[in-house]
Amino acid sequence: MAAKIKKGDKVVVLTGRDKGRSGEVVRVIPDEERALVRGVNMVKRHTRQTAQSEGGIISKEAAIHLSNLAIADPKDGKATRVGFKTLDDGRKVRVAKRSGDLIDG
């Protein structure tokens, strides 16, 4: 199945404590159906000091389930569902159901 959410997409959080927030997808983990979104679902981790990194309490993004994310419509930035369309040159592209705009360049 073609991926509806990919790295670099602008997404909106639908549920949870970050509901309504939006951000860019940093990484998708297809095996677990989760994604890391920049600035969303922040957690604090207590880390030990190593030669490479300083110790202390570090804030970082935790993975969020794909079902709790929706693509942001390119036109108005609101959450939209994703459809697929084949262009005349044979490319399969993602389309925002809300506005009909292309999501892929």
C-alpha atoms as a PDB file:
ATOM      1  CA  MET A   1       0.000   0.000   0.000  1.00  0.00           C
ATOM      2  CA  ALA A   2       1.238   3.489  -0.794  1.00  0.00           C
ATOM      3  CA  ALA A   3       2.203   5.579   2.216  1.00  0.00           C
ATOM      4  CA  LYS A   4      -0.220   8.352   3.095  1.00  0.00           C
ATOM      5  CA  ILE A   5       2.212  10.085   5.473  1.00  0.00           C
ATOM      6  CA  LYS A   6       5.861  10.493   4.506  1.00  0.00           C
ATOM      7  CA  LYS A   7       8.975  12.163   5.885  1.00  0.00           C
ATOM      8  CA  GLY A   8       8.841  15.928   5.369  1.00  0.00           C
ATOM      9  CA  ASP A   9       5.028  16.175   5.332  1.00  0.00           C
ATOM     10  CA  LYS A  10       3.252  18.854   7.353  1.00  0.00           C
ATOM     11  CA  VAL A  11       0.784  17.091   9.660  1.00  0.00           C
ATOM     12  CA  VAL A  12      -1.864  18.017  12.251  1.00  0.00           C
ATOM     13  CA  VAL A  13      -2.358  16.055  15.502  1.00  0.00           C
ATOM     14  CA  LEU A  14      -5.981  14.872  15.846  1.00  0.00           C
ATOM     15  CA  THR A  15      -6.081  13.529  19.415  1.00  0.00           C
ATOM     16  CA  GLY A  16      -4.124  13.495  22.667  1.00  0.00           C
ATOM     17  CA  ARG A  17      -2.478  16.231  24.694  1.00  0.00           C
ATOM     18  CA  ASP A  18      -1.032  17.854  21.543  1.00  0.00           C
ATOM     19  CA  LYS A  19      -4.380  17.980  19.709  1.00  0.00           C
ATOM     20  CA  GLY A  20      -4.467  20.766  17.132  1.00  0.00           C
ATOM     21  CA  ARG A  21      -0.687  21.225  17.012  1.00  0.00           C
ATOM     22  CA  SER A  22       1.087  20.799  13.711  1.00  0.00           C
ATOM     23  CA  GLY A  23       4.621  20.007  12.682  1.00  0.00           C
ATOM     24  CA  GLU A  24       6.852  18.351  10.140  1.00  0.00           C
ATOM     25  CA  VAL A  25       7.344  14.580  10.044  1.00  0.00           C
ATOM     26  CA  VAL A  26      10.984  13.858  10.923  1.00  0.00           C
ATOM     27  CA  ARG A  27      10.824  10.059  10.639  1.00  0.00           C
ATOM     28  CA  VAL A  28       8.223   7.375   9.857  1.00  0.00           C
ATOM     29  CA  ILE A  29       8.419   3.930  11.468  1.00  0.00           C
ATOM     30  CA  PRO A  30       6.203   1.766   9.205  1.00  0.00           C
ATOM     31  CA  ASP A  31       6.649  -1.474  11.202  1.00  0.00           C
ATOM     32  CA  GLU A  32       5.101   0.143  14.292  1.00  0.00           C
ATOM     33  CA  GLU A  33       2.752   2.484  12.343  1.00  0.00           C
ATOM     34  CA  ARG A  34       4.262   5.485  14.139  1.00  0.00           C
ATOM     35  CA  ALA A  35       5.957   8.748  13.229  1.00  0.00           C
ATOM     36  CA  LEU A  36       8.180  11.354  14.876  1.00  0.00           C
ATOM     37  CA  VAL A  37       6.842  14.904  14.435  1.00  0.00           C
ATOM     38  CA  ARG A  38       9.061  17.921  15.138  1.00  0.00           C
ATOM     39  CA  GLY A  39       7.963  19.716  18.331  1.00  0.00           C
ATOM     40  CA  VAL A  40       5.034  17.384  19.067  1.00  0.00           C
ATOM     41  CA  ASN A  41       4.659  14.746  21.828  1.00  0.00           C
ATOM     42  CA  MET A  42       7.733  15.974  23.709  1.00  0.00           C
ATOM     43  CA  VAL A  43       9.005  13.789  26.550  1.00  0.00           C
ATOM     44  CA  LYS A  44      11.822  14.308  29.052  1.00  0.00           C
ATOM     45  CA  ARG A  45      14.593  11.716  29.273  1.00  0.00           C
ATOM     46  CA  HIS A  46      17.182  11.521  32.046  1.00  0.00           C
ATOM     47  CA  THR A  47      20.470  10.672  30.344  1.00  0.00           C
ATOM     48  CA  ARG A  48      23.844   9.755  31.719  1.00  0.00           C
ATOM     49  CA  GLN A  49      26.858  11.755  30.619  1.00  0.00           C
ATOM     50  CA  THR A  50      28.993  10.153  27.906  1.00  0.00           C
ATOM     51  CA  ALA A  51      32.044  11.231  25.958  1.00  0.00           C
ATOM     52  CA  GLN A  52      29.798  12.474  23.138  1.00  0.00           C
ATOM     53  CA  SER A  53      26.885  14.019  25.051  1.00  0.00           C
ATOM     54  CA  GLU A  54      26.310  15.899  28.251  1.00  0.00           C
ATOM     55  CA  GLY A  55      24.114  14.332  30.926  1.00  0.00           C
ATOM     56  CA  GLY A  56      20.942  15.756  32.387  1.00  0.00           C
ATOM     57  CA  ILE A  57      17.291  15.990  31.464  1.00  0.00           C
ATOM     58  CA  ILE A  58      16.802  16.163  27.704  1.00  0.00           C
ATOM     59  CA  SER A  59      13.514  16.922  25.919  1.00  0.00           C
ATOM     60  CA  LYS A  60      12.924  14.988  22.721  1.00  0.00           C
ATOM     61  CA  GLU A  61      10.068  13.886  20.494  1.00  0.00           C
ATOM     62  CA  ALA A  62       8.373  10.557  21.134  1.00  0.00           C
ATOM     63  CA  ALA A  63       6.727   8.582  18.346  1.00  0.00           C
ATOM     64  CA  ILE A  64       3.019   9.172  17.782  1.00  0.00           C
ATOM     65  CA  HIS A  65       0.629   6.693  16.112  1.00  0.00           C
ATOM     66  CA  LEU A  66      -0.219   7.413  12.479  1.00  0.00           C
ATOM     67  CA  SER A  67      -3.952   7.153  13.211  1.00  0.00           C
ATOM     68  CA  ASN A  68      -3.616  10.270  15.399  1.00  0.00           C
ATOM     69  CA  LEU A  69      -2.111  12.315  12.553  1.00  0.00           C
ATOM     70  CA  ALA A  70      -3.639  13.881   9.451  1.00  0.00           C
ATOM     71  CA  ILE A  71      -1.947  15.633   6.550  1.00  0.00           C
ATOM     72  CA  ALA A  72      -2.278  19.430   6.640  1.00  0.00           C
ATOM     73  CA  ASP A  73      -4.111  20.734   3.555  1.00  0.00           C
ATOM     74  CA  PRO A  74      -1.640  22.684   1.360  1.00  0.00           C
ATOM     75  CA  LYS A  75      -4.285  25.419   0.851  1.00  0.00           C
ATOM     76  CA  ASP A  76      -5.424  26.264   4.414  1.00  0.00           C
ATOM     77  CA  GLY A  77      -3.333  24.099   6.777  1.00  0.00           C
ATOM     78  CA  LYS A  78      -6.337  22.249   8.230  1.00  0.00           C
ATOM     79  CA  ALA A  79      -6.464  18.456   8.579  1.00  0.00           C
ATOM     80  CA  THR A  80      -7.451  16.553   5.441  1.00  0.00           C
ATOM     81  CA  ARG A  81      -7.756  12.997   4.254  1.00  0.00           C
ATOM     82  CA  VAL A  82      -5.520  11.726   1.469  1.00  0.00           C
ATOM     83  CA  GLY A  83      -6.540  10.297  -1.881  1.00  0.00           C
ATOM     84  CA  PHE A  84      -4.470   9.053  -4.799  1.00  0.00           C
ATOM     85  CA  LYS A  85      -4.588  10.094  -8.436  1.00  0.00           C
ATOM     86  CA  THR A  86      -2.626   9.040 -11.499  1.00  0.00           C
ATOM     87  CA  LEU A  87      -1.385  11.935 -13.625  1.00  0.00           C
ATOM     88  CA  ASP A  88      -1.224  11.918 -17.433  1.00  0.00           C
ATOM     89  CA  ASP A  89       2.503  11.121 -17.349  1.00  0.00           C
ATOM     90  CA  GLY A  90       1.815   7.985 -15.271  1.00  0.00           C
ATOM     91  CA  ARG A  91       2.942   9.300 -11.869  1.00  0.00           C
ATOM     92  CA  LYS A  92       0.840   8.337  -8.854  1.00  0.00           C
ATOM     93  CA  VAL A  93       0.425  11.367  -6.582  1.00  0.00           C
ATOM     94  CA  ARG A  94      -1.301  12.122  -3.278  1.00  0.00           C
ATOM     95  CA  VAL A  95      -4.252  14.494  -3.355  1.00  0.00           C
ATOM     96  CA  ALA A  96      -5.881  16.401  -0.468  1.00  0.00           C
ATOM     97  CA  LYS A  97      -9.561  15.369  -0.290  1.00  0.00           C
ATOM     98  CA  ARG A  98     -10.477  18.717   1.312  1.00  0.00           C
ATOM     99  CA  SER A  99      -9.291  21.044  -1.457  1.00  0.00           C
ATOM    100  CA  GLY A 100      -8.275  18.713  -4.279  1.00  0.00           C
ATOM    101  CA  ASP A 101      -4.728  20.120  -4.275  1.00  0.00           C
ATOM    102  CA  LEU A 102      -1.712  17.923  -4.967  1.00  0.00           C
ATOM    103  CA  ILE A 103       0.347  17.069  -1.869  1.00  0.00           C
ATOM    104  CA  ASP A 104       3.330  15.743  -3.844  1.00  0.00           C
ATOM    105  CA  GLY A 105       5.181  18.245  -6.002  1.00  0.00           C
END
